[in-house]
Amino acid sequence: MSGQQDSQDYVSASIHRDFYYSNALGTPTLIKEYVNVEKLLVEAKYLACITIQVPQLNRIEYNYGSQLYASLLSEVTRLVCDVKEQAFRGKDIFVVDLLDIDTFVIFLSPPREADTMLLDHLTLISERTRMSVAQRIFELFYPYTHEYLRPAVGYAMVINNPMINNTRLITQLVTHAKRMGEFLATSHGYQSKYALQKLIIQRNVQIVFQPVVDLNTLDPIGYEALTRGPKESEFASPLLLFLLAGEFGLSFELDSLCRQEAFRRARDLTKDTKIFVNTLTMTIHDPEFRGKYLEDLLSDLEIKPENVIFEINEKLAIDNYDIFRQAMKDYSDIGIVHASDDIGNGYSDLERIMELNPGFMKIDISLVRDIHKSYIKREIIKAMVSLSRGIGSQIIAEGIETKEEYLALKQLGVPYGQGYLFGRPSPTLDPINKAFLSVEGE
């Protein structure tokens, strides 16, 4: 009886899936399109397909629930539908795997020309599909996974064999395409790691500067040195650059390179201008960048140590504050200042402030965004201004983009700010934008 009940439940679930994907998302299951798929196999004597998987999608359901899972699955489905419409032929059949419901399958119709072999183009079709969906899928899932999620796009082909049931052949085809997708995703990961290693060895990064301004005078007190990877590469996005460095175990190497290049470019700054340099917690312990070596380097570059601010932007908690303070002493002894970055994003902020007493506290954009509309945000910032004055620290508000945010922060007594309103990151030291002051409504 139990087996019969399980069978009934399976059929019920299949019907539910078939109904759901034929109506809510407009995408049929393989069962619904099976007759047409089999027809392609029989008439052409072979059949090829492309599969698109989001392997980590099921984690969304476990961590955030089925409602968000369904919403993201709908977004991915729409994305794949758009790719299918733009990059595939009308006779190609687009379905959802019956059981693996976050796998999409596109069965390819035969070429129009008899002498055109589909096999010659499968690799290119698969790669073109991957490139079409990769960035958008990353953007969709990053807020929830906080990692680089690679879609697995694979391909396979099967030859019609009268000795084997067509259903088995089609099932094997989809299975092999999914396995190929997993293999290719792993391969792309290794290729990305090699490309990043090459980037680091060849020092192929660009340093850009974003001004940090006095909110009262709108004069720059310094510039934050930011890193950009090569244009037209997956490392062009700073988020992806550092995200992949963490995934590949290259954070220390990349961070060291960025710090060295930032100091090299600091020659462009005037002697009394501060330079804010991002650094990971781990690289503070770098024995080749502490004490006399650093002091001599700054002297050679004609940079005053007191104008160097190390922004500690490690998102993970510092394991041992005593060890960290001891390491920082090598820097503070020659005048370098420490800034705690991303205050307000939830990473043990009060503990960091209490244990490290930073010279600067950089307020995360999450507290700055639309602060003029939020009483709670204003009260939090007001308390932080009072705290900073009490411990001898200075506040810098990050991500200021509107005049209203600027005026609210200025009224609250925040001394310094940074954001697109004043200037975007640039390879050159561009003048501070003050045009917004003349906009009607000040």
Protein backbone atom coordinates (compact mmCIF):
# COMPACT_ATOMS: atom_id res chain seq x y z
CA MET A 1 0.00 0.00 0.00
CA SER A 2 2.88 2.32 0.84
CA GLY A 3 4.43 1.81 -2.59
CA GLN A 4 1.10 2.53 -4.26
CA GLN A 5 0.71 5.72 -2.20
CA ASP A 6 4.26 6.83 -3.13
CA SER A 7 3.41 6.25 -6.78
CA GLN A 8 0.26 8.33 -6.46
CA ASP A 9 2.19 11.11 -4.74
CA TYR A 10 4.79 11.04 -7.53
CA VAL A 11 2.12 11.33 -10.21
CA SER A 12 0.41 14.12 -8.27
CA ALA A 13 3.69 16.03 -7.96
CA SER A 14 4.39 15.56 -11.66
CA ILE A 15 0.96 16.87 -12.61
CA HIS A 16 1.46 19.84 -10.30
CA ARG A 17 4.82 20.63 -11.87
CA ASP A 18 3.44 20.22 -15.36
CA PHE A 19 0.54 22.55 -14.56
CA TYR A 20 2.76 25.10 -12.85
CA TYR A 21 5.35 25.35 -15.59
CA SER A 22 2.78 25.44 -18.34
CA ASN A 23 0.90 28.37 -16.83
CA ALA A 24 2.72 30.39 -14.19
CA LEU A 25 6.04 30.51 -16.04
CA GLY A 26 4.90 29.59 -19.52
CA THR A 27 7.52 26.86 -19.85
CA PRO A 28 6.41 23.26 -20.46
CA THR A 29 8.03 20.23 -18.92
CA LEU A 30 9.80 17.61 -20.99
CA ILE A 31 6.78 15.31 -20.70
CA LYS A 32 4.50 17.92 -22.24
CA GLU A 33 6.83 18.36 -25.24
CA TYR A 34 8.05 14.77 -25.42
CA VAL A 35 6.28 13.92 -28.68
CA ASN A 36 7.87 16.89 -30.48
CA VAL A 37 11.30 16.14 -29.01
CA GLU A 38 11.09 12.50 -30.10
CA LYS A 39 10.06 13.65 -33.57
CA LEU A 40 13.30 15.66 -33.86
CA LEU A 41 15.31 12.59 -32.90
CA VAL A 42 13.55 10.27 -35.35
CA GLU A 43 13.55 12.61 -38.36
CA ALA A 44 17.14 13.86 -38.05
CA LYS A 45 18.56 10.53 -36.83
CA TYR A 46 20.31 12.44 -34.03
CA LEU A 47 19.41 14.97 -31.35
CA ALA A 48 21.39 17.67 -29.53
CA CYS A 49 20.52 19.85 -26.57
CA ILE A 50 21.80 22.68 -24.39
CA THR A 51 21.17 22.55 -20.64
CA ILE A 52 21.24 25.50 -18.25
CA GLN A 53 21.48 24.85 -14.52
CA VAL A 54 21.82 27.06 -11.46
CA PRO A 55 23.37 24.50 -9.12
CA GLN A 56 23.04 26.54 -5.93
CA LEU A 57 19.41 27.51 -6.52
CA ASN A 58 18.12 24.85 -4.15
CA ARG A 59 20.11 26.45 -1.32
CA ILE A 60 17.92 29.53 -1.65
CA GLU A 61 14.88 27.47 -0.75
CA TYR A 62 16.57 25.94 2.30
CA ASN A 63 17.94 29.27 3.55
CA TYR A 64 15.16 31.70 2.59
CA GLY A 65 12.08 29.62 1.94
CA SER A 66 10.06 28.47 -1.05
CA GLN A 67 8.54 31.89 -1.82
CA LEU A 68 11.88 33.55 -2.60
CA TYR A 69 13.00 30.38 -4.36
CA ALA A 70 9.94 30.52 -6.64
CA SER A 71 10.51 34.23 -7.30
CA LEU A 72 14.16 33.74 -8.30
CA LEU A 73 13.28 30.66 -10.34
CA SER A 74 10.74 32.79 -12.22
CA GLU A 75 13.42 35.42 -12.90
CA VAL A 76 15.85 32.79 -14.19
CA THR A 77 13.11 31.28 -16.35
CA ARG A 78 12.34 34.65 -17.91
CA LEU A 79 16.03 35.23 -18.51
CA VAL A 80 16.46 31.88 -20.25
CA CYS A 81 13.29 32.51 -22.28
CA ASP A 82 14.76 35.81 -23.48
CA VAL A 83 18.02 34.10 -24.45
CA LYS A 84 16.09 31.39 -26.27
CA GLU A 85 14.10 33.97 -28.21
CA GLN A 86 17.16 36.03 -29.14
CA ALA A 87 19.80 33.38 -29.79
CA PHE A 88 17.96 30.22 -30.87
CA ARG A 89 15.70 29.26 -33.73
CA GLY A 90 11.94 29.14 -33.46
CA LYS A 91 11.85 25.38 -34.04
CA ASP A 92 14.15 24.70 -31.09
CA ILE A 93 12.20 23.27 -28.17
CA PHE A 94 12.56 24.87 -24.73
CA VAL A 95 11.49 22.79 -21.71
CA VAL A 96 12.08 22.33 -18.01
CA ASP A 97 13.49 19.06 -16.74
CA LEU A 98 10.59 17.15 -15.22
CA LEU A 99 12.28 16.20 -11.93
CA ASP A 100 15.21 18.61 -11.75
CA ILE A 101 12.98 21.69 -12.00
CA ASP A 102 15.80 24.24 -11.90
CA THR A 103 17.34 22.78 -15.05
CA PHE A 104 16.34 24.20 -18.41
CA VAL A 105 16.76 22.26 -21.64
CA ILE A 106 16.79 23.53 -25.21
CA PHE A 107 16.52 20.77 -27.82
CA LEU A 108 18.05 21.96 -31.06
CA SER A 109 16.30 21.47 -34.36
CA PRO A 110 18.43 20.30 -37.33
CA PRO A 111 20.28 22.93 -39.40
CA ARG A 112 18.57 24.30 -42.46
CA GLU A 113 21.41 23.16 -44.72
CA ALA A 114 21.88 19.42 -44.97
CA ASP A 115 25.67 19.66 -45.08
CA THR A 116 25.87 21.78 -41.88
CA MET A 117 26.84 19.56 -38.98
CA LEU A 118 25.34 20.73 -35.70
CA LEU A 119 28.19 19.05 -33.84
CA ASP A 120 30.60 21.67 -35.21
CA HIS A 121 28.67 24.44 -33.46
CA LEU A 122 27.58 22.96 -30.13
CA THR A 123 30.57 24.26 -28.19
CA LEU A 124 30.08 27.79 -29.54
CA ILE A 125 26.33 27.70 -28.89
CA SER A 126 26.92 26.55 -25.31
CA GLU A 127 29.53 29.23 -24.61
CA ARG A 128 27.40 31.94 -26.17
CA THR A 129 24.51 30.87 -23.98
CA ARG A 130 26.67 30.89 -20.86
CA MET A 131 27.92 34.40 -21.59
CA SER A 132 24.34 35.58 -22.10
CA VAL A 133 23.13 34.43 -18.70
CA ALA A 134 26.19 34.48 -16.40
CA GLN A 135 26.26 38.15 -15.38
CA ARG A 136 22.52 38.44 -14.83
CA ILE A 137 22.40 35.25 -12.74
CA PHE A 138 25.28 36.54 -10.63
CA GLU A 139 23.44 39.82 -10.04
CA LEU A 140 20.24 37.98 -9.11
CA PHE A 141 21.79 35.64 -6.58
CA TYR A 142 24.70 37.56 -5.07
CA PRO A 143 22.55 39.41 -2.47
CA TYR A 144 21.59 36.01 -1.06
CA THR A 145 24.66 33.82 -1.66
CA HIS A 146 27.46 36.43 -1.37
CA GLU A 147 29.55 34.34 -3.74
CA TYR A 148 30.21 34.02 -7.44
CA LEU A 149 27.49 31.70 -8.64
CA ARG A 150 28.38 30.10 -11.97
CA PRO A 151 25.57 28.76 -14.14
CA ALA A 152 26.38 25.33 -15.51
CA VAL A 153 25.71 25.39 -19.26
CA GLY A 154 26.34 22.12 -21.02
CA TYR A 155 25.65 20.34 -24.27
CA ALA A 156 25.43 16.81 -25.61
CA MET A 157 24.34 14.84 -28.66
CA VAL A 158 22.78 11.43 -29.10
CA ILE A 159 22.43 9.29 -32.24
CA ASN A 160 19.18 7.52 -32.91
CA ASN A 161 19.57 3.82 -32.17
CA PRO A 162 16.68 1.47 -33.02
CA MET A 163 18.03 -0.98 -30.44
CA ILE A 164 17.37 1.46 -27.61
CA ASN A 165 14.10 3.02 -26.53
CA ASN A 166 13.81 6.67 -27.55
CA THR A 167 12.82 7.72 -24.04
CA ARG A 168 16.05 6.26 -22.69
CA LEU A 169 18.08 8.00 -25.40
CA ILE A 170 16.51 11.37 -24.63
CA THR A 171 16.98 10.88 -20.89
CA GLN A 172 20.64 10.00 -21.43
CA LEU A 173 21.05 13.04 -23.65
CA VAL A 174 19.83 15.43 -20.95
CA THR A 175 21.88 13.68 -18.25
CA HIS A 176 25.08 13.88 -20.30
CA ALA A 177 24.47 17.55 -21.14
CA LYS A 178 24.08 18.36 -17.44
CA ARG A 179 27.29 16.52 -16.64
CA MET A 180 29.07 18.41 -19.39
CA GLY A 181 27.74 21.65 -17.89
CA GLU A 182 29.15 20.77 -14.49
CA PHE A 183 32.50 19.92 -16.08
CA LEU A 184 32.59 23.17 -18.06
CA ALA A 185 31.68 25.23 -14.98
CA THR A 186 34.62 23.67 -13.12
CA SER A 187 36.85 24.26 -16.14
CA HIS A 188 35.83 27.93 -16.32
CA GLY A 189 36.69 28.24 -12.63
CA TYR A 190 40.24 26.98 -13.23
CA GLN A 191 40.60 29.25 -16.25
CA SER A 192 39.51 32.23 -14.16
CA LYS A 193 42.01 31.34 -11.46
CA TYR A 194 44.83 31.16 -14.00
CA ALA A 195 43.76 34.52 -15.49
CA LEU A 196 43.77 36.12 -12.03
CA GLN A 197 47.19 34.69 -11.21
CA LYS A 198 48.46 36.10 -14.51
CA LEU A 199 46.89 39.48 -13.69
CA ILE A 200 48.68 39.58 -10.33
CA ILE A 201 52.06 38.54 -11.73
CA GLN A 202 51.83 41.08 -14.55
CA ARG A 203 50.49 43.74 -12.15
CA ASN A 204 47.65 44.36 -14.58
CA VAL A 205 45.45 46.56 -12.40
CA GLN A 206 44.51 50.22 -12.55
CA ILE A 207 44.32 52.52 -9.53
CA VAL A 208 41.54 55.10 -9.51
CA PHE A 209 40.91 57.82 -6.93
CA GLN A 210 37.68 58.95 -5.30
CA PRO A 211 37.74 62.13 -3.22
CA VAL A 212 36.96 62.29 0.49
CA VAL A 213 35.63 65.79 1.16
CA ASP A 214 35.02 68.12 4.07
CA LEU A 215 31.24 68.42 4.14
CA ASN A 216 31.41 72.01 5.31
CA THR A 217 33.86 73.36 2.73
CA LEU A 218 33.59 70.64 0.05
CA ASP A 219 37.37 70.70 -0.21
CA PRO A 220 39.10 67.30 -0.52
CA ILE A 221 40.96 66.09 2.56
CA GLY A 222 42.23 63.07 0.65
CA TYR A 223 41.46 60.36 -1.84
CA GLU A 224 40.58 56.70 -1.52
CA ALA A 225 42.68 54.51 -3.81
CA LEU A 226 40.46 51.93 -5.49
CA THR A 227 41.45 49.07 -7.78
CA ARG A 228 40.01 48.11 -11.14
CA GLY A 229 40.82 45.08 -13.25
CA PRO A 230 41.33 45.09 -17.02
CA LYS A 231 38.38 46.35 -19.06
CA GLU A 232 36.49 43.79 -21.14
CA SER A 233 37.40 41.04 -18.66
CA GLU A 234 35.48 39.38 -15.86
CA PHE A 235 37.76 41.26 -13.45
CA ALA A 236 36.60 44.69 -14.66
CA SER A 237 34.05 44.68 -11.83
CA PRO A 238 35.85 45.31 -8.51
CA LEU A 239 33.23 43.19 -6.75
CA LEU A 240 34.02 40.19 -8.96
CA LEU A 241 37.76 40.86 -8.82
CA PHE A 242 37.95 40.55 -5.04
CA LEU A 243 35.19 37.95 -4.81
CA LEU A 244 37.07 35.60 -7.14
CA ALA A 245 40.36 36.33 -5.36
CA GLY A 246 38.74 35.08 -2.16
CA GLU A 247 37.33 32.01 -3.92
CA PHE A 248 40.72 31.12 -5.40
CA GLY A 249 42.75 31.76 -2.24
CA LEU A 250 44.48 34.77 -3.81
CA SER A 251 43.18 37.53 -1.52
CA PHE A 252 46.54 38.17 0.12
CA GLU A 253 48.39 38.32 -3.20
CA LEU A 254 45.86 40.65 -4.81
CA ASP A 255 45.61 42.88 -1.75
CA SER A 256 49.39 43.24 -1.58
CA LEU A 257 49.51 44.22 -5.25
CA CYS A 258 46.72 46.78 -4.84
CA ARG A 259 48.44 48.33 -1.83
CA GLN A 260 51.78 48.61 -3.64
CA GLU A 261 50.16 50.14 -6.73
CA ALA A 262 48.18 52.58 -4.59
CA PHE A 263 51.38 53.87 -2.98
CA ARG A 264 53.07 54.10 -6.35
CA ARG A 265 50.20 56.22 -7.70
CA ALA A 266 50.23 58.34 -4.54
CA ARG A 267 53.08 60.28 -6.13
CA ASP A 268 50.33 62.16 -7.97
CA LEU A 269 48.93 63.52 -4.71
CA THR A 270 50.13 66.67 -3.01
CA LYS A 271 52.25 66.17 0.10
CA ASP A 272 49.51 67.19 2.53
CA THR A 273 46.76 65.08 0.95
CA LYS A 274 45.65 61.93 2.71
CA ILE A 275 45.49 58.62 0.89
CA PHE A 276 43.02 55.97 2.04
CA VAL A 277 44.28 52.49 1.20
CA ASN A 278 42.06 49.43 1.54
CA THR A 279 43.65 46.41 3.13
CA LEU A 280 42.50 43.05 4.42
CA THR A 281 42.99 42.06 8.02
CA MET A 282 45.40 39.30 7.04
CA THR A 283 47.73 41.59 5.11
CA ILE A 284 48.30 43.78 8.16
CA HIS A 285 50.51 40.88 9.31
CA ASP A 286 52.59 40.90 6.11
CA PRO A 287 56.21 40.79 7.38
CA GLU A 288 57.51 42.34 4.15
CA PHE A 289 55.39 45.44 4.58
CA ARG A 290 55.93 46.44 8.17
CA GLY A 291 58.33 48.55 10.20
CA LYS A 292 61.49 49.89 8.57
CA TYR A 293 60.62 48.64 5.08
CA LEU A 294 57.37 50.60 4.98
CA GLU A 295 58.97 53.66 6.53
CA ASP A 296 61.70 53.67 3.88
CA LEU A 297 59.15 53.12 1.10
CA LEU A 298 57.05 56.09 2.17
CA SER A 299 60.18 58.20 2.45
CA ASP A 300 61.22 57.29 -1.09
CA LEU A 301 57.73 58.14 -2.36
CA GLU A 302 57.72 61.38 -0.34
CA ILE A 303 54.51 60.37 1.46
CA LYS A 304 54.02 61.50 5.03
CA PRO A 305 53.07 58.48 7.16
CA GLU A 306 50.43 60.52 8.99
CA ASN A 307 48.67 61.01 5.64
CA VAL A 308 48.29 57.26 5.12
CA ILE A 309 45.05 55.72 6.34
CA PHE A 310 44.68 51.96 6.17
CA GLU A 311 41.03 50.99 5.73
CA ILE A 312 40.43 47.61 7.29
CA ASN A 313 37.66 46.23 5.13
CA GLU A 314 37.74 42.57 6.09
CA LYS A 315 34.16 41.40 6.48
CA LEU A 316 35.06 38.58 8.82
CA ALA A 317 35.52 39.18 12.52
CA ILE A 318 39.07 39.72 13.70
CA ASP A 319 39.97 36.52 15.52
CA ASN A 320 42.32 38.00 18.10
CA TYR A 321 42.30 41.72 18.81
CA ASP A 322 45.47 41.56 20.91
CA ILE A 323 47.46 40.11 18.00
CA PHE A 324 45.88 42.58 15.58
CA ARG A 325 46.70 45.56 17.80
CA GLN A 326 50.27 44.34 18.13
CA ALA A 327 50.61 44.12 14.34
CA MET A 328 49.04 47.57 13.87
CA LYS A 329 51.59 49.03 16.28
CA ASP A 330 54.28 48.70 13.60
CA TYR A 331 52.17 51.03 11.47
CA SER A 332 50.92 53.42 14.14
CA ASP A 333 54.45 53.88 15.48
CA ILE A 334 55.43 55.64 12.26
CA GLY A 335 52.21 57.67 12.14
CA ILE A 336 49.88 55.60 9.94
CA VAL A 337 46.22 55.86 10.89
CA HIS A 338 43.71 53.00 10.96
CA ALA A 339 40.15 53.37 9.66
CA SER A 340 37.34 50.90 10.27
CA ASP A 341 35.42 50.44 7.04
CA ASP A 342 31.74 49.57 6.51
CA ILE A 343 30.54 50.60 9.97
CA GLY A 344 26.82 49.90 10.02
CA ASN A 345 26.68 46.77 7.87
CA GLY A 346 26.40 44.40 10.82
CA TYR A 347 29.89 42.96 11.17
CA SER A 348 30.50 43.36 14.93
CA ASP A 349 30.79 47.13 14.53
CA LEU A 350 30.66 48.10 18.20
CA GLU A 351 33.19 45.43 19.11
CA ARG A 352 35.59 46.71 16.45
CA ILE A 353 35.23 50.30 17.66
CA MET A 354 35.67 49.32 21.30
CA GLU A 355 38.71 47.11 20.72
CA LEU A 356 40.55 49.15 18.07
CA ASN A 357 39.54 52.80 18.62
CA PRO A 358 40.06 53.68 14.93
CA GLY A 359 41.19 57.11 13.81
CA PHE A 360 38.40 57.15 11.20
CA MET A 361 35.06 55.37 11.05
CA LYS A 362 33.62 54.98 7.55
CA ILE A 363 29.84 54.72 7.68
CA ASP A 364 28.43 52.11 5.31
CA ILE A 365 26.23 53.20 2.42
CA SER A 366 23.30 51.27 3.91
CA LEU A 367 22.99 53.91 6.64
CA VAL A 368 23.59 56.82 4.26
CA ARG A 369 21.11 55.87 1.55
CA ASP A 370 17.97 58.05 1.88
CA ILE A 371 18.96 59.13 5.40
CA HIS A 372 16.84 62.28 4.97
CA LYS A 373 13.79 60.00 4.83
CA SER A 374 14.64 57.83 7.85
CA TYR A 375 14.32 59.02 11.43
CA ILE A 376 16.01 55.84 12.71
CA LYS A 377 19.03 56.28 10.45
CA ARG A 378 19.42 59.90 11.53
CA GLU A 379 19.31 58.93 15.19
CA ILE A 380 21.93 56.21 14.64
CA ILE A 381 24.23 58.64 12.84
CA LYS A 382 23.65 61.26 15.52
CA ALA A 383 24.74 58.75 18.18
CA MET A 384 27.80 57.78 16.14
CA VAL A 385 28.84 61.42 15.75
CA SER A 386 28.63 61.82 19.52
CA LEU A 387 30.61 58.59 20.03
CA SER A 388 33.31 59.62 17.57
CA ARG A 389 33.83 62.91 19.33
CA GLY A 390 34.10 61.14 22.66
CA ILE A 391 36.81 58.72 21.52
CA GLY A 392 38.71 61.13 19.28
CA SER A 393 37.71 59.51 15.99
CA GLN A 394 36.42 61.05 12.76
CA ILE A 395 33.41 59.94 10.73
CA ILE A 396 33.33 59.61 6.94
CA ALA A 397 29.94 58.90 5.36
CA GLU A 398 30.26 56.71 2.26
CA GLY A 399 28.04 56.51 -0.79
CA ILE A 400 26.55 60.03 -0.75
CA GLU A 401 24.68 60.37 -4.03
CA THR A 402 22.05 63.08 -3.55
CA LYS A 403 21.95 66.64 -2.31
CA GLU A 404 19.34 65.65 0.28
CA GLU A 405 21.64 63.02 1.79
CA TYR A 406 24.50 65.52 1.89
CA LEU A 407 22.43 68.17 3.67
CA ALA A 408 21.05 65.70 6.22
CA LEU A 409 24.53 64.38 7.08
CA LYS A 410 25.96 67.87 7.28
CA GLN A 411 23.16 68.93 9.64
CA LEU A 412 23.88 65.91 11.85
CA GLY A 413 27.48 67.02 12.25
CA VAL A 414 29.17 64.42 10.08
CA PRO A 415 32.49 66.07 9.16
CA TYR A 416 33.53 64.15 6.04
CA GLY A 417 31.89 62.38 3.14
CA GLN A 418 32.49 60.44 -0.03
CA GLY A 419 30.29 59.49 -2.95
CA TYR A 420 29.22 60.04 -6.54
CA LEU A 421 27.72 63.41 -5.61
CA PHE A 422 31.24 64.82 -5.22
CA GLY A 423 33.11 62.70 -7.71
CA ARG A 424 33.31 59.25 -9.21
CA PRO A 425 36.43 57.07 -9.05
CA SER A 426 38.80 58.32 -11.73
CA PRO A 427 42.40 57.68 -12.84
CA THR A 428 42.94 61.43 -12.56
CA LEU A 429 42.41 63.80 -9.63
CA ASP A 430 39.32 65.52 -10.98
CA PRO A 431 37.89 68.70 -9.41
CA ILE A 432 35.23 68.25 -6.74
CA ASN A 433 31.70 68.59 -8.07
CA LYS A 434 30.02 71.55 -6.37
CA ALA A 435 27.39 72.21 -9.02
CA PHE A 436 24.68 70.53 -6.95
CA LEU A 437 24.80 73.45 -4.49
CA SER A 438 23.18 75.72 -7.06
CA VAL A 439 20.31 73.33 -7.74
CA GLU A 440 16.97 74.84 -6.80
CA GLY A 441 15.62 73.73 -3.45
CA GLU A 442 18.69 74.04 -1.25
